[in-house]
N, C-alpha and C. Protein backbone atom coordinates (compact mmCIF):
# COMPACT_ATOMS: atom_id res chain seq x y z
N UNK A 1 13.15 72.86 94.14
CA UNK A 1 11.91 72.79 94.88
C UNK A 1 10.76 72.57 93.90
N UNK A 2 9.82 71.79 94.31
CA UNK A 2 8.65 71.55 93.50
C UNK A 2 7.41 71.55 94.35
N UNK A 3 6.26 71.62 93.70
CA UNK A 3 4.99 71.66 94.41
C UNK A 3 4.26 70.35 94.19
N UNK A 4 3.67 69.80 95.26
CA UNK A 4 2.83 68.62 95.08
C UNK A 4 1.42 69.11 94.74
N UNK A 5 0.47 68.18 94.58
CA UNK A 5 -0.88 68.59 94.19
C UNK A 5 -1.64 69.32 95.29
N UNK A 6 -1.10 69.41 96.49
CA UNK A 6 -1.74 70.19 97.55
C UNK A 6 -1.26 71.64 97.51
N UNK A 7 -0.29 71.93 96.64
CA UNK A 7 0.27 73.27 96.57
C UNK A 7 1.47 73.46 97.49
N UNK A 8 1.81 72.42 98.27
CA UNK A 8 2.96 72.53 99.17
C UNK A 8 4.25 72.41 98.37
N UNK A 9 5.21 73.23 98.69
CA UNK A 9 6.51 73.15 98.06
C UNK A 9 7.41 72.29 98.94
N UNK A 10 8.06 71.33 98.31
CA UNK A 10 8.93 70.40 99.01
C UNK A 10 10.24 70.30 98.23
N UNK A 11 11.22 69.67 98.86
CA UNK A 11 12.47 69.40 98.15
C UNK A 11 12.16 68.53 96.95
N UNK A 12 12.85 68.77 95.86
CA UNK A 12 12.65 68.00 94.64
C UNK A 12 12.85 66.52 94.92
N UNK A 13 11.99 65.69 94.35
CA UNK A 13 12.11 64.26 94.48
C UNK A 13 11.48 63.66 95.71
N UNK A 14 10.91 64.46 96.59
CA UNK A 14 10.29 63.94 97.81
C UNK A 14 8.84 63.57 97.52
N UNK A 15 8.48 62.33 97.82
CA UNK A 15 7.10 61.89 97.68
C UNK A 15 6.31 62.43 98.86
N UNK A 16 5.35 63.29 98.60
CA UNK A 16 4.61 63.95 99.68
C UNK A 16 3.29 63.26 100.03
N UNK A 17 3.01 62.13 99.41
CA UNK A 17 1.73 61.47 99.64
C UNK A 17 1.48 61.16 101.12
N UNK A 18 2.51 60.76 101.83
CA UNK A 18 2.33 60.38 103.24
C UNK A 18 2.96 61.37 104.21
N UNK A 19 3.28 62.57 103.74
CA UNK A 19 3.88 63.59 104.60
C UNK A 19 2.77 64.27 105.40
N UNK A 20 2.88 64.29 106.73
CA UNK A 20 1.83 64.95 107.52
C UNK A 20 1.80 66.45 107.26
N UNK A 21 0.62 67.01 107.39
CA UNK A 21 0.44 68.45 107.26
C UNK A 21 0.24 69.02 108.66
N UNK A 22 0.97 70.07 108.99
CA UNK A 22 0.85 70.70 110.30
C UNK A 22 -0.31 71.69 110.24
N UNK A 23 -1.30 71.55 111.14
CA UNK A 23 -2.41 72.51 111.13
C UNK A 23 -1.92 73.91 111.48
N UNK A 24 -2.53 74.90 110.85
CA UNK A 24 -2.17 76.29 111.09
C UNK A 24 -3.04 76.88 112.18
N UNK A 25 -2.47 77.83 112.91
CA UNK A 25 -3.18 78.56 113.96
C UNK A 25 -3.25 80.02 113.52
N UNK A 26 -4.43 80.62 113.66
CA UNK A 26 -4.58 82.06 113.40
C UNK A 26 -4.44 82.80 114.72
N UNK A 27 -3.70 83.89 114.72
CA UNK A 27 -3.58 84.78 115.87
C UNK A 27 -3.34 86.18 115.34
N UNK A 28 -3.10 87.12 116.25
CA UNK A 28 -2.87 88.51 115.87
C UNK A 28 -1.54 89.00 116.40
N UNK A 29 -0.89 89.85 115.60
CA UNK A 29 0.31 90.56 116.03
C UNK A 29 0.38 91.87 115.27
N UNK A 30 0.72 92.94 115.97
CA UNK A 30 0.88 94.26 115.34
C UNK A 30 -0.34 94.66 114.52
N UNK A 31 -1.55 94.26 114.96
CA UNK A 31 -2.77 94.63 114.27
C UNK A 31 -3.08 93.82 113.03
N UNK A 32 -2.34 92.73 112.80
CA UNK A 32 -2.49 91.91 111.60
C UNK A 32 -2.76 90.47 112.00
N UNK A 33 -3.69 89.81 111.30
CA UNK A 33 -3.89 88.38 111.54
C UNK A 33 -2.74 87.63 110.89
N UNK A 34 -2.15 86.69 111.63
CA UNK A 34 -1.03 85.91 111.13
C UNK A 34 -1.34 84.43 111.33
N UNK A 35 -0.50 83.59 110.74
CA UNK A 35 -0.63 82.14 110.91
C UNK A 35 0.71 81.58 111.38
N UNK A 36 0.63 80.58 112.24
CA UNK A 36 1.83 79.92 112.73
C UNK A 36 1.48 78.48 113.05
N UNK A 37 2.48 77.70 113.41
CA UNK A 37 2.29 76.30 113.79
C UNK A 37 2.71 76.12 115.25
N UNK A 38 1.89 75.39 116.00
CA UNK A 38 2.26 75.00 117.37
C UNK A 38 3.21 73.82 117.23
N UNK A 39 4.50 74.06 117.36
CA UNK A 39 5.48 73.00 117.20
C UNK A 39 5.50 72.10 118.43
N UNK A 40 5.57 72.71 119.61
CA UNK A 40 5.47 71.97 120.87
C UNK A 40 5.17 72.96 121.99
N UNK A 41 4.75 72.41 123.13
CA UNK A 41 4.45 73.21 124.32
C UNK A 41 5.11 72.57 125.53
N UNK A 42 5.26 73.35 126.60
CA UNK A 42 5.94 72.83 127.79
C UNK A 42 5.01 72.19 128.80
N UNK A 43 3.74 72.52 128.75
CA UNK A 43 2.79 72.13 129.79
C UNK A 43 1.82 71.06 129.28
N UNK A 44 1.67 69.93 129.99
CA UNK A 44 0.78 68.86 129.53
C UNK A 44 -0.68 69.30 129.33
N UNK A 45 -1.21 70.13 130.23
CA UNK A 45 -2.60 70.60 130.06
C UNK A 45 -2.72 71.48 128.82
N UNK A 46 -1.76 72.36 128.63
CA UNK A 46 -1.77 73.20 127.43
C UNK A 46 -1.64 72.32 126.18
N UNK A 47 -0.84 71.29 126.25
CA UNK A 47 -0.71 70.36 125.14
C UNK A 47 -2.02 69.67 124.81
N UNK A 48 -2.78 69.29 125.84
CA UNK A 48 -4.08 68.66 125.62
C UNK A 48 -5.05 69.64 124.96
N UNK A 49 -5.09 70.87 125.47
CA UNK A 49 -5.99 71.89 124.90
C UNK A 49 -5.62 72.16 123.44
N UNK A 50 -4.33 72.33 123.17
CA UNK A 50 -3.89 72.62 121.80
C UNK A 50 -4.15 71.43 120.87
N UNK A 51 -3.91 70.22 121.36
CA UNK A 51 -4.18 69.03 120.56
C UNK A 51 -5.66 68.94 120.22
N UNK A 52 -6.54 69.19 121.20
CA UNK A 52 -7.98 69.17 120.94
C UNK A 52 -8.37 70.25 119.95
N UNK A 53 -7.82 71.46 120.13
CA UNK A 53 -8.14 72.58 119.25
C UNK A 53 -7.69 72.30 117.81
N UNK A 54 -6.49 71.73 117.66
CA UNK A 54 -5.90 71.54 116.34
C UNK A 54 -6.36 70.24 115.67
N UNK A 55 -6.84 69.28 116.47
CA UNK A 55 -7.17 67.99 115.89
C UNK A 55 -5.93 67.25 115.43
N UNK A 56 -4.80 67.59 116.02
CA UNK A 56 -3.51 67.01 115.66
C UNK A 56 -2.62 67.08 116.90
N UNK A 57 -1.82 66.05 117.16
CA UNK A 57 -1.00 66.06 118.37
C UNK A 57 -0.04 67.25 118.44
N UNK A 58 0.00 67.90 119.59
CA UNK A 58 0.98 68.94 119.88
C UNK A 58 1.89 68.37 120.96
N UNK A 59 3.13 68.04 120.61
CA UNK A 59 4.03 67.41 121.58
C UNK A 59 4.30 68.28 122.80
N UNK A 60 4.46 67.61 123.95
CA UNK A 60 4.78 68.28 125.21
C UNK A 60 6.28 68.11 125.46
N UNK A 61 6.96 69.22 125.65
CA UNK A 61 8.40 69.24 125.89
C UNK A 61 8.66 70.11 127.12
N UNK A 62 8.61 69.52 128.34
CA UNK A 62 8.75 70.32 129.56
C UNK A 62 9.99 71.20 129.61
N UNK A 63 11.07 70.80 128.96
CA UNK A 63 12.30 71.59 129.02
C UNK A 63 12.16 72.95 128.34
N UNK A 64 11.12 73.16 127.54
CA UNK A 64 10.89 74.49 126.97
C UNK A 64 10.74 75.55 128.06
N UNK A 65 10.18 75.16 129.20
CA UNK A 65 9.93 76.11 130.29
C UNK A 65 11.18 76.40 131.11
N UNK A 66 12.29 75.74 130.78
CA UNK A 66 13.51 75.91 131.56
C UNK A 66 14.49 76.82 130.80
N UNK A 67 13.96 77.80 130.13
CA UNK A 67 14.80 78.74 129.40
C UNK A 67 14.74 80.09 130.10
N UNK A 68 15.72 80.92 129.87
CA UNK A 68 15.75 82.23 130.49
C UNK A 68 14.73 83.18 129.88
N UNK A 69 14.24 84.09 130.69
CA UNK A 69 13.27 85.08 130.22
C UNK A 69 13.81 85.91 129.06
N UNK A 70 15.14 86.02 128.96
CA UNK A 70 15.72 86.84 127.91
C UNK A 70 15.52 86.25 126.51
N UNK A 71 15.12 84.99 126.41
CA UNK A 71 14.86 84.43 125.08
C UNK A 71 13.38 84.16 124.84
N UNK A 72 12.53 84.62 125.75
CA UNK A 72 11.09 84.41 125.59
C UNK A 72 10.39 85.68 125.12
N UNK A 73 9.44 85.50 124.23
CA UNK A 73 8.52 86.58 123.88
C UNK A 73 7.18 86.20 124.51
N UNK A 74 6.10 86.88 124.14
CA UNK A 74 4.84 86.71 124.86
C UNK A 74 3.69 86.33 123.94
N UNK A 75 2.80 85.49 124.47
CA UNK A 75 1.48 85.25 123.87
C UNK A 75 0.45 85.47 124.97
N UNK A 76 -0.56 86.30 124.67
CA UNK A 76 -1.64 86.57 125.62
C UNK A 76 -2.88 85.81 125.15
N UNK A 77 -3.43 84.96 126.02
CA UNK A 77 -4.65 84.20 125.72
C UNK A 77 -5.77 84.76 126.60
N UNK A 78 -6.91 85.02 126.00
CA UNK A 78 -8.03 85.65 126.69
C UNK A 78 -8.92 84.62 127.36
N UNK A 79 -9.24 84.87 128.65
CA UNK A 79 -10.08 83.95 129.43
C UNK A 79 -11.52 84.42 129.52
N UNK A 80 -11.80 85.63 129.08
CA UNK A 80 -13.17 86.14 128.99
C UNK A 80 -13.18 87.23 127.94
N UNK A 81 -14.36 87.72 127.60
CA UNK A 81 -14.43 88.82 126.65
C UNK A 81 -15.11 88.46 125.36
N UNK A 82 -14.53 88.89 124.25
CA UNK A 82 -15.13 88.82 122.93
C UNK A 82 -15.06 87.40 122.37
N UNK A 83 -16.21 86.92 121.86
CA UNK A 83 -16.26 85.63 121.18
C UNK A 83 -16.66 85.90 119.73
N UNK A 84 -15.68 85.94 118.83
CA UNK A 84 -15.97 86.32 117.44
C UNK A 84 -16.70 85.23 116.67
N UNK A 85 -17.28 85.62 115.53
CA UNK A 85 -17.93 84.66 114.64
C UNK A 85 -16.90 83.82 113.89
N UNK A 86 -15.73 84.38 113.63
CA UNK A 86 -14.70 83.70 112.85
C UNK A 86 -13.75 82.91 113.72
N UNK A 87 -12.47 82.88 113.32
CA UNK A 87 -11.47 82.11 114.07
C UNK A 87 -11.42 82.54 115.54
N UNK A 88 -11.18 81.55 116.40
CA UNK A 88 -11.11 81.79 117.84
C UNK A 88 -9.82 81.24 118.41
N UNK A 89 -9.47 81.75 119.58
CA UNK A 89 -8.30 81.28 120.29
C UNK A 89 -8.56 79.95 120.98
N UNK A 90 -7.56 79.42 121.68
CA UNK A 90 -7.67 78.10 122.31
C UNK A 90 -8.72 78.03 123.42
N UNK A 91 -9.13 79.17 123.96
CA UNK A 91 -10.14 79.18 125.02
C UNK A 91 -11.51 79.56 124.46
N UNK A 92 -11.68 79.44 123.13
CA UNK A 92 -12.93 79.68 122.41
C UNK A 92 -13.36 81.14 122.45
N UNK A 93 -12.40 82.04 122.64
CA UNK A 93 -12.67 83.48 122.64
C UNK A 93 -11.85 84.12 121.54
N UNK A 94 -11.61 85.41 121.64
CA UNK A 94 -10.86 86.09 120.59
C UNK A 94 -9.50 85.43 120.39
N UNK A 95 -8.93 85.65 119.22
CA UNK A 95 -7.61 85.12 118.93
C UNK A 95 -6.60 85.64 119.94
N UNK A 96 -5.60 84.82 120.24
CA UNK A 96 -4.50 85.27 121.08
C UNK A 96 -3.77 86.42 120.39
N UNK A 97 -3.00 87.15 121.17
CA UNK A 97 -2.16 88.23 120.63
C UNK A 97 -0.71 87.90 120.97
N UNK A 98 0.17 88.03 119.98
CA UNK A 98 1.59 87.75 120.15
C UNK A 98 2.38 89.03 119.92
N UNK A 99 3.46 89.21 120.68
CA UNK A 99 4.34 90.34 120.43
C UNK A 99 5.53 89.89 119.60
N UNK A 100 6.33 90.80 119.15
CA UNK A 100 7.58 90.54 118.44
C UNK A 100 7.44 89.53 117.30
N UNK A 101 6.78 89.91 116.19
CA UNK A 101 6.70 89.01 115.05
C UNK A 101 8.05 88.89 114.33
N UNK A 102 8.12 87.97 113.40
CA UNK A 102 9.31 87.82 112.56
C UNK A 102 9.65 89.18 111.96
N UNK A 103 10.93 89.50 111.94
CA UNK A 103 11.38 90.76 111.36
C UNK A 103 11.48 91.89 112.36
N UNK A 104 10.91 91.71 113.54
CA UNK A 104 11.00 92.76 114.56
C UNK A 104 12.18 92.46 115.48
N UNK A 105 12.71 93.52 116.08
CA UNK A 105 13.77 93.31 117.06
C UNK A 105 13.16 92.55 118.24
N UNK A 106 13.81 91.51 118.66
CA UNK A 106 13.31 90.72 119.77
C UNK A 106 12.52 89.49 119.37
N UNK A 107 12.37 89.24 118.05
CA UNK A 107 11.62 88.05 117.63
C UNK A 107 12.29 86.78 118.14
N UNK A 108 11.49 85.91 118.69
CA UNK A 108 11.90 84.56 119.07
C UNK A 108 10.65 83.69 119.01
N UNK A 109 10.77 82.44 118.59
CA UNK A 109 9.58 81.60 118.49
C UNK A 109 9.08 81.08 119.84
N UNK A 110 9.92 81.06 120.87
CA UNK A 110 9.49 80.56 122.17
C UNK A 110 8.73 81.67 122.90
N UNK A 111 7.49 81.35 123.32
CA UNK A 111 6.60 82.36 123.90
C UNK A 111 6.06 81.93 125.25
N UNK A 112 6.23 82.81 126.24
CA UNK A 112 5.63 82.60 127.56
C UNK A 112 4.13 82.91 127.43
N UNK A 113 3.32 82.00 127.93
CA UNK A 113 1.86 82.18 127.84
C UNK A 113 1.35 82.93 129.06
N UNK A 114 0.60 83.99 128.80
CA UNK A 114 -0.10 84.75 129.83
C UNK A 114 -1.59 84.61 129.58
N UNK A 115 -2.34 84.38 130.65
CA UNK A 115 -3.80 84.41 130.57
C UNK A 115 -4.24 85.82 130.94
N UNK A 116 -5.06 86.43 130.10
CA UNK A 116 -5.55 87.77 130.38
C UNK A 116 -7.06 87.73 130.57
N UNK A 117 -7.51 88.52 131.55
CA UNK A 117 -8.91 88.52 131.96
C UNK A 117 -9.41 89.96 132.04
N UNK A 118 -10.51 90.25 131.36
CA UNK A 118 -11.11 91.58 131.42
C UNK A 118 -11.70 91.80 132.80
N UNK A 119 -11.48 92.99 133.37
CA UNK A 119 -12.07 93.33 134.68
C UNK A 119 -13.57 93.56 134.50
N UNK A 120 -14.30 93.47 135.61
CA UNK A 120 -15.75 93.67 135.57
C UNK A 120 -16.13 95.05 135.06
N UNK A 121 -15.30 96.05 135.31
CA UNK A 121 -15.62 97.42 134.90
C UNK A 121 -15.18 97.74 133.47
N UNK A 122 -14.45 96.84 132.84
CA UNK A 122 -13.92 97.10 131.49
C UNK A 122 -14.97 96.80 130.43
N UNK A 123 -14.82 97.42 129.27
CA UNK A 123 -15.63 97.13 128.10
C UNK A 123 -14.79 96.21 127.20
N UNK A 124 -15.02 94.88 127.26
CA UNK A 124 -14.22 93.97 126.44
C UNK A 124 -14.33 94.32 124.96
N UNK A 125 -13.22 94.20 124.27
CA UNK A 125 -13.17 94.49 122.85
C UNK A 125 -12.11 93.59 122.22
N UNK A 126 -12.12 93.53 120.92
CA UNK A 126 -11.19 92.69 120.18
C UNK A 126 -9.85 93.41 120.06
N UNK A 127 -8.80 92.86 120.64
CA UNK A 127 -7.46 93.45 120.59
C UNK A 127 -6.60 92.68 119.60
N UNK A 128 -5.77 93.40 118.86
CA UNK A 128 -4.98 92.75 117.81
C UNK A 128 -3.49 93.06 117.86
N UNK A 129 -3.04 93.78 118.88
CA UNK A 129 -1.62 94.11 118.94
C UNK A 129 -1.13 94.09 120.38
N UNK A 130 0.17 93.90 120.52
CA UNK A 130 0.79 93.94 121.85
C UNK A 130 0.57 95.29 122.51
N UNK A 131 0.65 96.37 121.74
CA UNK A 131 0.46 97.71 122.30
C UNK A 131 -0.93 97.85 122.91
N UNK A 132 -1.95 97.31 122.24
CA UNK A 132 -3.32 97.38 122.78
C UNK A 132 -3.45 96.57 124.06
N UNK A 133 -2.88 95.36 124.07
CA UNK A 133 -2.95 94.51 125.26
C UNK A 133 -2.21 95.17 126.42
N UNK A 134 -1.00 95.64 126.16
CA UNK A 134 -0.20 96.28 127.21
C UNK A 134 -0.88 97.53 127.76
N UNK A 135 -1.55 98.31 126.90
CA UNK A 135 -2.26 99.50 127.35
C UNK A 135 -3.45 99.11 128.24
N UNK A 136 -4.18 98.06 127.86
CA UNK A 136 -5.32 97.60 128.66
C UNK A 136 -4.85 97.06 130.01
N UNK A 137 -3.70 96.42 130.05
CA UNK A 137 -3.13 95.95 131.32
C UNK A 137 -2.73 97.15 132.18
N UNK A 138 -2.09 98.13 131.56
CA UNK A 138 -1.62 99.32 132.30
C UNK A 138 -2.76 100.11 132.93
N UNK A 139 -3.93 100.13 132.28
CA UNK A 139 -5.08 100.87 132.81
C UNK A 139 -5.93 100.03 133.76
N UNK A 140 -5.58 98.76 133.92
CA UNK A 140 -6.35 97.90 134.81
C UNK A 140 -7.56 97.26 134.18
N UNK A 141 -7.76 97.47 132.87
CA UNK A 141 -8.88 96.82 132.18
C UNK A 141 -8.65 95.32 132.08
N UNK A 142 -7.41 94.94 131.87
CA UNK A 142 -7.02 93.53 131.78
C UNK A 142 -6.08 93.19 132.92
N UNK A 143 -6.25 92.01 133.48
CA UNK A 143 -5.28 91.46 134.43
C UNK A 143 -4.55 90.33 133.70
N UNK A 144 -3.24 90.26 133.86
CA UNK A 144 -2.44 89.24 133.19
C UNK A 144 -1.81 88.32 134.22
N UNK A 145 -1.93 87.02 133.96
CA UNK A 145 -1.34 86.00 134.84
C UNK A 145 -0.32 85.19 134.04
N UNK A 146 0.92 85.21 134.48
CA UNK A 146 1.97 84.41 133.85
C UNK A 146 1.73 82.95 134.22
N UNK A 147 1.60 82.09 133.21
CA UNK A 147 1.26 80.69 133.48
C UNK A 147 2.47 79.81 133.73
N UNK A 148 3.63 80.20 133.23
CA UNK A 148 4.80 79.34 133.29
C UNK A 148 4.89 78.40 132.10
N UNK A 149 3.82 78.35 131.30
CA UNK A 149 3.81 77.50 130.10
C UNK A 149 4.44 78.21 128.92
N UNK A 150 5.26 77.48 128.17
CA UNK A 150 5.94 78.04 127.01
C UNK A 150 5.46 77.31 125.75
N UNK A 151 5.24 78.08 124.70
CA UNK A 151 4.81 77.57 123.40
C UNK A 151 5.91 77.86 122.39
N UNK A 152 6.24 76.87 121.57
CA UNK A 152 7.13 77.10 120.45
C UNK A 152 6.24 77.35 119.24
N UNK A 153 6.16 78.61 118.82
CA UNK A 153 5.24 79.03 117.76
C UNK A 153 6.02 79.50 116.54
N UNK A 154 6.09 78.66 115.53
CA UNK A 154 6.82 78.99 114.31
C UNK A 154 5.91 79.77 113.36
N UNK A 155 6.24 81.04 113.13
CA UNK A 155 5.44 81.89 112.25
C UNK A 155 5.53 81.40 110.81
N UNK A 156 4.38 81.37 110.13
CA UNK A 156 4.33 81.07 108.71
C UNK A 156 4.00 82.33 107.91
N UNK A 157 3.26 83.25 108.55
CA UNK A 157 3.03 84.57 107.98
C UNK A 157 3.30 85.59 109.08
N UNK A 158 3.55 86.82 108.70
CA UNK A 158 3.80 87.90 109.64
C UNK A 158 3.53 89.20 108.90
N UNK A 159 3.45 90.32 109.61
CA UNK A 159 3.22 91.58 108.90
C UNK A 159 4.30 91.77 107.82
N UNK A 160 3.87 91.96 106.61
CA UNK A 160 4.77 92.21 105.47
C UNK A 160 5.61 91.01 105.06
N UNK A 161 5.19 89.78 105.39
CA UNK A 161 5.98 88.65 104.94
C UNK A 161 5.34 87.31 105.18
N UNK A 162 5.94 86.29 104.59
CA UNK A 162 5.50 84.91 104.78
C UNK A 162 6.60 83.97 104.33
N UNK A 163 6.47 82.70 104.73
CA UNK A 163 7.44 81.69 104.29
C UNK A 163 7.16 81.30 102.87
């Protein structure tokens, strides 16, 4: 393995001058900011939003949504609430939250997308872990809507590790 002048490590002998770079996405899991790549999505509208957000095509693969729930993990995208100064999620609000990062029992890259909405009586705040999101849903602060859209999210960093 060798590194090109961009710092990317590639197989030895590969000319990286024309190799595309996959844009990274920032999100949160287990209270830690992580980075991953949107490899593909199942829903054309989600693909358009992700392509616009990334400035790079995100392929649409409808068959991603035809998998059993037993192989899906979750990504929660916020439809209202906190709009941070730094990185934002695809709906221009706080970063999405993902459960089951690499190294945890239940990790899988295919994620069912849920839209979460703060109730009128809730005090919106920045959430960074599945436990926080699930607790807010359980108390009625957040309502979660299963979209049916699936994202293939390949982690590049995770709590206590990276590629």
